[in-house]
């Protein structure tokens, strides 16, 4: 099929008018702006991390520099692997992200189909009084030429949506694994606190028995007995609270795996905290571009930018081709394209007036792209804030742990000294009990601080995009 000269001239005129209109939109390149912002932020953040890691690495024996470290490497929990595998398969919130990704794939398939030819077939029969029956078969092939790559832009935008959903799924997986690690450490913390309070309770109950015996012998006062009972009862209340928190943490660990057994989780979790890989040694090799939420937000900008291009190109002329085969006969068998008539049609169309609809759609698309850009900026600022907060907490918690360890050592030496003086009759039981109580308090405080530091390591890993493999 060939186009005559007047048709060619009309097509060129319409194309020229459309291109002039499209070139006057003056769109902002939000993708480039986002890349510039990310590059400058990563550069500044990298300098801060280098300084922090150099300070932290002094005296450190672990100098791993691989950039492939994962969040599960920050805390050595090999017993948790079974729970991680189970959670990645059956966690309900994670499965919703998997379904969302499959939906994005299906949507991309719908959009990509617009670029392919369409084939339609029809068969009809007609019966009319005083005339022979007629049967008609029609086969039509249609195809829109994507001269301006409008359909390609829409298809590519849908593919960006798929990639964004993939990043969101990775972020959901990382969060589930991090929550499992947090819960595991929380169980270990509660076990240690329960042990400390049980030891404290034994001492307080022994003291209560001693005070009661002294009171019956007329050597003690009623106030001393009431204080001893009060301390024992208070510790029993704290111990009951810790035991329930421990049971709740075990139920939470089961719940994260996407299953429910209705009973406490029967799993052996070490009472002591696990080995920790110092992540600061590898932080200079990391940057925020590994964060799934930033990847998803950036891909959303690219997708909306492509949709904006497609919206402006919708104001350009379009060319569609169609060809059909038609056969008409007096019986169904004879109408099955045994002697068809063919026809071909080339159509050029351009929107001239639609009340400003297409222009408004293009403006909406451009504003949506700008909105995605600012959403990315918000995500980036939050990411930087998370890194700075966790880095600050790392230094603070390290100092707290160091000071509390020294304080506990001093308290333990003081207790040994008071215990010796008590045996010599130089101090009474209440002085010894006070020092021992202080030792238990410092031990619990140090345990809580170590737990906080381990949790902060996990938060720091998430903030820097240290993911988990599925």
Protein backbone atom coordinates (compact mmCIF):
# COMPACT_ATOMS: atom_id res chain seq x y z
CA UNK A 1 0.00 0.00 0.00
CA UNK A 2 1.32 3.49 -0.92
CA UNK A 3 0.22 6.91 0.25
CA UNK A 4 -0.55 9.59 -2.32
CA UNK A 5 1.21 12.99 -2.31
CA UNK A 6 -1.54 15.06 -0.60
CA UNK A 7 -1.74 12.47 2.19
CA UNK A 8 2.04 12.59 2.67
CA UNK A 9 1.96 16.39 2.88
CA UNK A 10 -0.86 16.29 5.42
CA UNK A 11 1.05 13.76 7.51
CA UNK A 12 4.22 15.87 7.50
CA UNK A 13 2.26 19.00 8.44
CA UNK A 14 0.54 17.28 11.33
CA UNK A 15 3.84 15.83 12.54
CA UNK A 16 5.53 19.23 12.41
CA UNK A 17 2.74 20.89 14.37
CA UNK A 18 2.82 18.09 16.95
CA UNK A 19 6.59 18.24 17.37
CA UNK A 20 6.54 22.01 17.85
CA UNK A 21 3.84 21.65 20.49
CA UNK A 22 5.71 18.87 22.26
CA UNK A 23 9.02 20.71 22.27
CA UNK A 24 7.52 23.68 24.07
CA UNK A 25 6.60 21.81 27.26
CA UNK A 26 9.94 22.54 29.04
CA UNK A 27 9.83 19.55 31.38
CA UNK A 28 12.21 19.34 34.33
CA UNK A 29 14.49 16.30 34.33
CA UNK A 30 13.63 15.00 37.78
CA UNK A 31 15.57 11.80 37.20
CA UNK A 32 18.80 13.73 36.69
CA UNK A 33 18.05 15.92 39.70
CA UNK A 34 17.53 12.84 41.87
CA UNK A 35 20.80 11.33 40.64
CA UNK A 36 22.70 14.52 41.44
CA UNK A 37 21.22 14.74 44.93
CA UNK A 38 21.99 11.09 45.64
CA UNK A 39 25.58 11.41 44.40
CA UNK A 40 26.32 14.45 46.56
CA UNK A 41 24.63 12.88 49.59
CA UNK A 42 26.55 9.63 49.21
CA UNK A 43 29.82 11.51 48.88
CA UNK A 44 29.29 13.47 52.08
CA UNK A 45 27.94 10.46 53.93
CA UNK A 46 30.90 8.38 52.81
CA UNK A 47 33.32 10.88 54.33
CA UNK A 48 31.45 10.77 57.63
CA UNK A 49 31.44 6.97 57.65
CA UNK A 50 35.17 6.83 56.89
CA UNK A 51 35.87 9.07 59.89
CA UNK A 52 33.56 7.09 62.14
CA UNK A 53 34.97 3.74 61.04
CA UNK A 54 38.56 4.87 61.56
CA UNK A 55 37.72 5.89 65.10
CA UNK A 56 35.90 2.65 65.78
CA UNK A 57 38.51 0.44 64.12
CA UNK A 58 41.21 1.43 66.63
CA UNK A 59 41.94 -1.69 68.63
CA UNK A 60 39.57 -3.79 66.53
CA UNK A 61 40.82 -7.22 65.47
CA UNK A 62 38.20 -7.71 62.76
CA UNK A 63 39.09 -5.79 59.59
CA UNK A 64 36.81 -7.35 57.02
CA UNK A 65 36.53 -5.06 53.99
CA UNK A 66 34.19 -6.98 51.71
CA UNK A 67 31.32 -4.92 50.37
CA UNK A 68 29.09 -7.98 49.98
CA UNK A 69 28.30 -8.18 53.68
CA UNK A 70 24.66 -8.90 54.48
CA UNK A 71 22.59 -7.94 57.46
CA UNK A 72 22.66 -11.52 58.72
CA UNK A 73 26.45 -11.25 58.99
CA UNK A 74 26.26 -8.48 61.58
CA UNK A 75 25.16 -10.84 64.35
CA UNK A 76 26.16 -14.51 64.27
CA UNK A 77 22.89 -16.41 64.62
CA UNK A 78 23.23 -19.70 62.68
CA UNK A 79 20.35 -21.23 64.67
CA UNK A 80 18.06 -18.60 63.18
CA UNK A 81 18.52 -19.79 59.58
CA UNK A 82 15.61 -22.22 59.80
CA UNK A 83 13.26 -19.47 60.97
CA UNK A 84 14.48 -17.12 58.24
CA UNK A 85 13.84 -19.74 55.57
CA UNK A 86 10.36 -20.40 56.94
CA UNK A 87 9.52 -16.69 57.19
CA UNK A 88 10.59 -15.97 53.62
CA UNK A 89 8.17 -18.66 52.45
CA UNK A 90 5.10 -18.11 54.65
CA UNK A 91 5.23 -14.66 56.28
CA UNK A 92 1.85 -13.03 55.38
CA UNK A 93 3.09 -9.47 54.91
CA UNK A 94 5.96 -10.73 52.77
CA UNK A 95 3.62 -12.79 50.63
CA UNK A 96 1.54 -9.67 49.98
CA UNK A 97 4.65 -8.05 48.52
CA UNK A 98 5.18 -11.14 46.35
CA UNK A 99 1.61 -10.85 45.05
CA UNK A 100 2.13 -7.13 44.40
CA UNK A 101 5.16 -7.98 42.29
CA UNK A 102 3.16 -10.54 40.29
CA UNK A 103 0.46 -7.92 39.72
CA UNK A 104 3.12 -5.52 38.40
CA UNK A 105 4.32 -8.21 36.00
CA UNK A 106 0.76 -8.74 34.77
CA UNK A 107 0.24 -5.00 34.31
CA UNK A 108 3.46 -4.79 32.33
CA UNK A 109 2.20 -7.58 30.09
CA UNK A 110 -1.00 -5.63 29.41
CA UNK A 111 0.95 -2.49 28.48
CA UNK A 112 3.46 -4.34 26.32
CA UNK A 113 0.61 -5.94 24.36
CA UNK A 114 -0.37 -2.52 22.95
CA UNK A 115 2.79 -2.57 20.82
CA UNK A 116 1.86 -5.83 19.11
CA UNK A 117 -0.57 -6.33 16.19
CA UNK A 118 -4.11 -7.34 17.02
CA UNK A 119 -5.95 -10.13 15.24
CA UNK A 120 -9.73 -10.48 15.42
CA UNK A 121 -11.95 -13.08 13.81
CA UNK A 122 -15.72 -13.09 13.58
CA UNK A 123 -18.37 -15.39 12.13
CA UNK A 124 -22.01 -14.45 11.70
CA UNK A 125 -25.09 -15.88 10.08
CA UNK A 126 -28.22 -14.17 8.82
CA UNK A 127 -31.62 -15.70 8.04
CA UNK A 128 -34.23 -13.60 6.29
CA UNK A 129 -37.71 -14.45 4.97
CA UNK A 130 -38.00 -15.05 1.22
CA UNK A 131 -34.19 -15.05 0.84
CA UNK A 132 -31.33 -17.47 1.22
CA UNK A 133 -29.39 -17.69 4.45
CA UNK A 134 -26.03 -15.91 4.43
CA UNK A 135 -22.92 -16.55 6.48
CA UNK A 136 -20.06 -14.12 6.84
CA UNK A 137 -16.52 -14.73 8.06
CA UNK A 138 -14.14 -11.86 8.78
CA UNK A 139 -10.47 -11.84 9.83
CA UNK A 140 -8.94 -8.46 10.66
CA UNK A 141 -5.34 -7.57 11.55
CA UNK A 142 -4.64 -4.15 13.07
CA UNK A 143 -1.41 -2.43 14.12
CA UNK A 144 -0.57 1.04 15.36
CA UNK A 145 2.82 2.28 14.20
CA UNK A 146 4.75 3.57 17.21
CA UNK A 147 6.45 6.42 15.36
CA UNK A 148 7.04 8.59 18.42
CA UNK A 149 7.69 5.64 20.77
CA UNK A 150 4.66 6.55 22.84
CA UNK A 151 3.74 2.90 23.32
CA UNK A 152 7.39 2.08 24.06
CA UNK A 153 7.43 4.72 26.81
CA UNK A 154 4.31 3.27 28.39
CA UNK A 155 5.74 -0.24 28.21
CA UNK A 156 9.06 0.89 29.71
CA UNK A 157 7.21 2.72 32.48
CA UNK A 158 5.40 -0.50 33.33
CA UNK A 159 8.76 -2.31 33.43
CA UNK A 160 10.03 0.35 35.87
CA UNK A 161 6.98 -0.44 38.01
CA UNK A 162 8.03 -4.09 38.00
CA UNK A 163 11.57 -3.16 39.08
CA UNK A 164 10.14 -0.89 41.79
CA UNK A 165 8.02 -3.76 43.08
CA UNK A 166 11.09 -5.99 43.07
CA UNK A 167 12.92 -3.44 45.22
CA UNK A 168 9.93 -3.19 47.55
CA UNK A 169 9.91 -6.97 47.89
CA UNK A 170 13.62 -6.94 48.74
CA UNK A 171 12.95 -4.27 51.36
CA UNK A 172 10.15 -6.37 52.84
CA UNK A 173 12.44 -9.41 52.99
CA UNK A 174 15.18 -7.37 54.68
CA UNK A 175 12.71 -6.07 57.26
CA UNK A 176 11.35 -9.55 58.07
CA UNK A 177 14.87 -10.91 58.56
CA UNK A 178 15.83 -7.91 60.71
CA UNK A 179 12.71 -8.36 62.85
CA UNK A 180 13.57 -12.04 63.32
CA UNK A 181 17.05 -11.08 64.46
CA UNK A 182 15.67 -8.42 66.80
CA UNK A 183 13.18 -10.86 68.31
CA UNK A 184 15.85 -13.54 68.73
CA UNK A 185 18.09 -11.07 70.59
CA UNK A 186 15.11 -9.92 72.65
CA UNK A 187 14.50 -13.51 73.77
CA UNK A 188 18.16 -13.79 74.78
CA UNK A 189 17.89 -10.49 76.67
CA UNK A 190 14.78 -11.57 78.58
CA UNK A 191 16.40 -14.89 79.47
CA UNK A 192 19.39 -13.10 80.93
CA UNK A 193 17.23 -10.63 82.85
CA UNK A 194 15.15 -13.50 84.23
CA UNK A 195 18.34 -15.21 85.41
CA UNK A 196 19.57 -12.02 87.10
CA UNK A 197 16.25 -11.47 88.86
CA UNK A 198 16.11 -15.11 89.96
CA UNK A 199 19.54 -14.75 91.53
CA UNK A 200 18.47 -11.50 93.17
CA UNK A 201 15.31 -13.12 94.51
CA UNK A 202 17.27 -15.96 96.11
CA UNK A 203 19.41 -13.42 97.96
CA UNK A 204 16.39 -11.34 99.02
CA UNK A 205 14.45 -14.37 100.25
CA UNK A 206 17.45 -15.54 102.27
CA UNK A 207 17.73 -12.06 103.69
CA UNK A 208 14.03 -12.08 104.52
CA UNK A 209 14.42 -15.37 106.39
CA UNK A 210 17.40 -13.95 108.26
CA UNK A 211 15.55 -10.77 109.24
CA UNK A 212 12.55 -12.81 110.35
CA UNK A 213 14.76 -14.98 112.53
CA UNK A 214 16.43 -11.91 114.03
CA UNK A 215 13.02 -10.33 114.63
CA UNK A 216 11.76 -13.43 116.44
CA UNK A 217 14.91 -13.35 118.54
CA UNK A 218 14.28 -9.71 119.42
CA UNK A 219 17.36 -8.49 117.53
CA UNK A 220 15.56 -6.79 114.65
CA UNK A 221 12.77 -4.34 114.14
CA UNK A 222 9.45 -4.65 112.38
CA UNK A 223 10.55 -2.02 109.86
CA UNK A 224 13.50 -4.19 108.81
CA UNK A 225 11.17 -7.13 108.28
CA UNK A 226 8.73 -5.05 106.23
CA UNK A 227 11.56 -3.72 104.06
CA UNK A 228 12.84 -7.23 103.42
CA UNK A 229 9.38 -8.46 102.45
CA UNK A 230 8.86 -5.40 100.24
CA UNK A 231 12.12 -6.02 98.35
CA UNK A 232 11.28 -9.69 97.81
CA UNK A 233 7.75 -8.95 96.62
CA UNK A 234 8.98 -6.23 94.25
CA UNK A 235 11.53 -8.58 92.71
CA UNK A 236 8.88 -11.30 92.32
CA UNK A 237 6.68 -8.81 90.42
CA UNK A 238 9.59 -7.85 88.14
CA UNK A 239 10.42 -11.51 87.57
CA UNK A 240 6.81 -12.30 86.64
CA UNK A 241 6.87 -9.43 84.14
CA UNK A 242 10.14 -10.59 82.56
CA UNK A 243 8.87 -14.16 82.25
CA UNK A 244 5.74 -13.02 80.43
CA UNK A 245 7.81 -10.75 78.18
CA UNK A 246 9.99 -13.76 77.38
CA UNK A 247 6.95 -15.85 76.48
CA UNK A 248 5.57 -13.01 74.36
CA UNK A 249 8.87 -12.65 72.48
CA UNK A 250 8.86 -16.38 71.71
CA UNK A 251 5.30 -16.09 70.36
CA UNK A 252 6.37 -13.12 68.24
CA UNK A 253 9.21 -15.16 66.76
CA UNK A 254 6.72 -17.87 65.77
CA UNK A 255 4.33 -15.30 64.36
CA UNK A 256 7.03 -13.80 62.13
CA UNK A 257 7.46 -17.16 60.45
CA UNK A 258 3.84 -17.04 59.33
CA UNK A 259 2.61 -19.91 61.45
CA UNK A 260 0.95 -20.33 64.82
CA UNK A 261 1.19 -23.36 67.06
CA UNK A 262 -0.86 -21.95 69.94
CA UNK A 263 1.85 -22.71 72.47
CA UNK A 264 5.19 -21.27 73.54
CA UNK A 265 7.97 -21.76 71.05
CA UNK A 266 10.14 -24.72 72.01
CA UNK A 267 13.50 -23.53 70.73
CA UNK A 268 16.94 -23.46 72.31
CA UNK A 269 18.20 -19.88 72.33
CA UNK A 270 21.56 -19.24 74.02
CA UNK A 271 21.42 -17.19 77.21
CA UNK A 272 24.55 -15.24 76.24
CA UNK A 273 24.57 -12.80 73.36
CA UNK A 274 26.08 -14.02 70.04
CA UNK A 275 29.31 -12.97 68.37
CA UNK A 276 29.13 -9.64 66.55
CA UNK A 277 30.87 -8.61 63.35
CA UNK A 278 31.85 -4.96 63.60
CA UNK A 279 30.06 -3.37 60.62
CA UNK A 280 31.94 -0.08 60.87
CA UNK A 281 35.01 -1.67 59.30
CA UNK A 282 33.13 -2.15 56.02
CA UNK A 283 30.99 0.99 56.01
CA UNK A 284 33.31 2.98 53.68
CA UNK A 285 32.41 0.45 50.96
CA UNK A 286 28.69 1.07 51.44
CA UNK A 287 26.37 3.79 50.18
CA UNK A 288 22.69 4.57 50.31
CA UNK A 289 22.07 3.36 46.76
CA UNK A 290 21.74 -0.18 48.13
CA UNK A 291 18.64 0.71 50.12
CA UNK A 292 15.56 -0.92 48.53
CA UNK A 293 13.26 1.98 49.48
CA UNK A 294 15.53 4.46 47.67
CA UNK A 295 15.75 2.16 44.66
CA UNK A 296 11.97 1.86 44.57
CA UNK A 297 11.46 5.63 44.94
CA UNK A 298 13.97 6.38 42.16
CA UNK A 299 12.38 3.84 39.82
CA UNK A 300 9.02 5.51 40.49
CA UNK A 301 10.48 8.79 39.22
CA UNK A 302 11.71 7.09 36.06
CA UNK A 303 8.34 5.41 35.52
CA UNK A 304 6.39 8.64 35.92
CA UNK A 305 8.83 10.50 33.67
CA UNK A 306 8.20 7.93 30.93
CA UNK A 307 4.45 8.28 31.41
CA UNK A 308 4.85 12.03 31.11
CA UNK A 309 6.65 11.59 27.79
CA UNK A 310 3.89 9.27 26.61
CA UNK A 311 1.23 11.79 27.67
CA UNK A 312 2.84 14.57 25.61
CA UNK A 313 3.31 12.24 22.65
CA UNK A 314 -0.40 11.46 22.77
CA UNK A 315 -0.92 14.92 21.23
CA UNK A 316 1.09 13.89 18.13
CA UNK A 317 -0.41 12.28 15.02
CA UNK A 318 -0.78 8.52 14.98
CA UNK A 319 -0.74 6.03 12.12
CA UNK A 320 -2.60 2.76 12.23
CA UNK A 321 -2.75 -0.01 9.62
CA UNK A 322 -5.36 -2.66 9.24
CA UNK A 323 -6.06 -5.48 6.80
CA UNK A 324 -9.03 -7.78 6.65
CA UNK A 325 -10.24 -10.88 4.83
CA UNK A 326 -13.99 -11.25 4.35
CA UNK A 327 -15.91 -14.14 2.91
CA UNK A 328 -19.70 -14.46 2.44
CA UNK A 329 -21.52 -17.63 1.41
CA UNK A 330 -24.81 -19.44 1.71
CA UNK A 331 -23.40 -22.22 3.96
CA UNK A 332 -21.02 -22.14 6.93
CA UNK A 333 -18.46 -24.39 5.24
CA UNK A 334 -18.29 -22.23 2.14
CA UNK A 335 -17.83 -19.09 4.28
CA UNK A 336 -14.59 -20.28 5.89
CA UNK A 337 -12.39 -17.96 3.80
CA UNK A 338 -12.47 -20.25 0.75
CA UNK A 339 -12.71 -17.29 -1.62
CA UNK A 340 -12.23 -14.20 0.55
CA UNK A 341 -12.12 -10.58 -0.42
CA UNK A 342 -9.27 -8.58 1.11
CA UNK A 343 -9.04 -4.95 2.02
CA UNK A 344 -6.27 -2.77 3.52
CA UNK A 345 -6.57 0.54 5.29
CA UNK A 346 -3.95 3.04 6.41
CA UNK A 347 -5.24 5.71 8.75
CA UNK A 348 -3.58 8.91 9.95
CA UNK A 349 -5.23 10.73 12.82
CA UNK A 350 -4.26 13.65 15.02
CA UNK A 351 -6.12 15.20 17.94
CA UNK A 352 -7.15 18.73 17.02
CA UNK A 353 -9.56 19.68 19.76
CA UNK A 354 -10.61 17.74 22.85
CA UNK A 355 -11.33 20.60 25.19
CA UNK A 356 -7.79 20.61 26.59
CA UNK A 357 -8.10 17.04 27.83
CA UNK A 358 -4.77 15.77 26.47
CA UNK A 359 -2.90 18.83 27.67
CA UNK A 360 -4.37 18.45 31.13
CA UNK A 361 -3.44 14.77 31.18
CA UNK A 362 0.13 15.69 30.27
CA UNK A 363 0.23 18.30 33.02
CA UNK A 364 -1.09 15.77 35.53
CA UNK A 365 1.58 13.30 34.45
CA UNK A 366 4.31 15.92 34.82
CA UNK A 367 3.05 16.94 38.27
CA UNK A 368 2.92 13.28 39.26
CA UNK A 369 6.58 12.98 38.23
CA UNK A 370 7.42 15.99 40.38
CA UNK A 371 5.50 14.44 43.26
CA UNK A 372 7.53 11.24 42.88
CA UNK A 373 10.71 13.32 42.93
CA UNK A 374 9.78 14.94 46.23
CA UNK A 375 8.77 11.55 47.63
CA UNK A 376 12.26 10.37 46.70
CA UNK A 377 13.78 13.41 48.41
CA UNK A 378 11.81 12.60 51.56
CA UNK A 379 12.98 8.98 51.46
CA UNK A 380 16.58 10.12 50.96
CA UNK A 381 16.43 12.55 53.89
CA UNK A 382 14.95 9.88 56.13
CA UNK A 383 17.68 7.47 55.03
CA UNK A 384 20.44 9.96 55.87
CA UNK A 385 18.79 10.70 59.20
CA UNK A 386 18.61 6.99 60.02
CA UNK A 387 22.29 6.52 59.22
CA UNK A 388 23.34 9.53 61.30
CA UNK A 389 21.17 8.46 64.25
CA UNK A 390 22.43 4.89 64.25
CA UNK A 391 26.04 6.02 63.84
CA UNK A 392 25.60 8.40 66.75
CA UNK A 393 24.00 5.67 68.83
CA UNK A 394 26.88 3.35 67.98
CA UNK A 395 29.40 5.69 69.58
CA UNK A 396 27.20 6.47 72.56
CA UNK A 397 26.33 2.84 73.28
CA UNK A 398 29.97 1.80 72.94
CA UNK A 399 30.92 4.32 75.63
CA UNK A 400 28.01 3.26 77.82
CA UNK A 401 29.01 -0.39 77.54
CA UNK A 402 32.61 0.45 78.38
CA UNK A 403 31.71 2.51 81.47
CA UNK A 404 29.14 0.00 82.72
CA UNK A 405 31.62 -2.86 82.35
CA UNK A 406 34.12 -0.92 84.51
CA UNK A 407 31.39 -0.08 87.01
CA UNK A 408 30.34 -3.73 87.24
CA UNK A 409 33.93 -4.82 87.83
CA UNK A 410 34.25 -2.24 90.63
CA UNK A 411 30.94 -3.31 92.16
CA UNK A 412 31.99 -6.97 92.10
CA UNK A 413 35.28 -6.13 93.84
CA UNK A 414 33.37 -4.03 96.35
CA UNK A 415 30.99 -6.92 97.04
CA UNK A 416 33.92 -9.28 97.69
CA UNK A 417 35.39 -6.73 100.09
CA UNK A 418 32.11 -6.20 101.92
CA UNK A 419 31.55 -9.95 102.10
CA UNK A 420 34.92 -10.37 103.82
CA UNK A 421 34.16 -7.51 106.21
CA UNK A 422 30.77 -9.05 106.97
CA UNK A 423 32.42 -12.32 107.96
CA UNK A 424 34.72 -10.33 110.23
CA UNK A 425 31.75 -8.54 111.77
CA UNK A 426 32.82 -5.12 110.53
CA UNK A 427 29.62 -4.46 108.51
CA UNK A 428 26.07 -5.71 108.91
CA UNK A 429 23.99 -7.75 106.48
CA UNK A 430 22.16 -4.71 105.15
CA UNK A 431 25.36 -3.05 103.94
CA UNK A 432 26.35 -6.28 102.21
CA UNK A 433 22.89 -6.59 100.67
CA UNK A 434 23.01 -3.02 99.36
CA UNK A 435 26.30 -3.65 97.58
CA UNK A 436 25.02 -6.92 96.15
CA UNK A 437 21.85 -5.23 94.90
CA UNK A 438 23.97 -2.61 93.18
CA UNK A 439 25.91 -5.39 91.47
CA UNK A 440 22.72 -6.97 90.14
CA UNK A 441 21.46 -3.57 88.95
CA UNK A 442 24.68 -2.90 87.03
CA UNK A 443 24.65 -6.39 85.53
CA UNK A 444 21.09 -5.89 84.26
CA UNK A 445 21.94 -2.42 82.96
CA UNK A 446 25.03 -3.70 81.13
CA UNK A 447 23.00 -6.55 79.60
CA UNK A 448 20.36 -4.08 78.37
CA UNK A 449 23.07 -1.83 76.89
CA UNK A 450 24.71 -4.71 75.01
CA UNK A 451 21.28 -5.65 73.65
CA UNK A 452 20.65 -2.04 72.59
CA UNK A 453 23.98 -1.97 70.80
CA UNK A 454 23.25 -5.20 68.94
CA UNK A 455 19.85 -3.89 67.88
CA UNK A 456 21.48 -0.66 66.76
CA UNK A 457 23.89 -2.67 64.62
CA UNK A 458 20.92 -4.23 62.85
CA UNK A 459 19.29 -0.81 62.41
CA UNK A 460 22.56 0.55 61.02
CA UNK A 461 22.75 -2.32 58.55
CA UNK A 462 19.23 -1.61 57.34
CA UNK A 463 19.95 2.10 57.12
CA UNK A 464 22.89 1.41 54.81
CA UNK A 465 21.01 -1.10 52.69
CA UNK A 466 22.67 -4.29 53.91
CA UNK A 467 20.08 -6.73 52.65
CA UNK A 468 19.30 -10.38 53.16
CA UNK A 469 19.44 -13.03 50.46
CA UNK A 470 16.16 -14.76 49.72
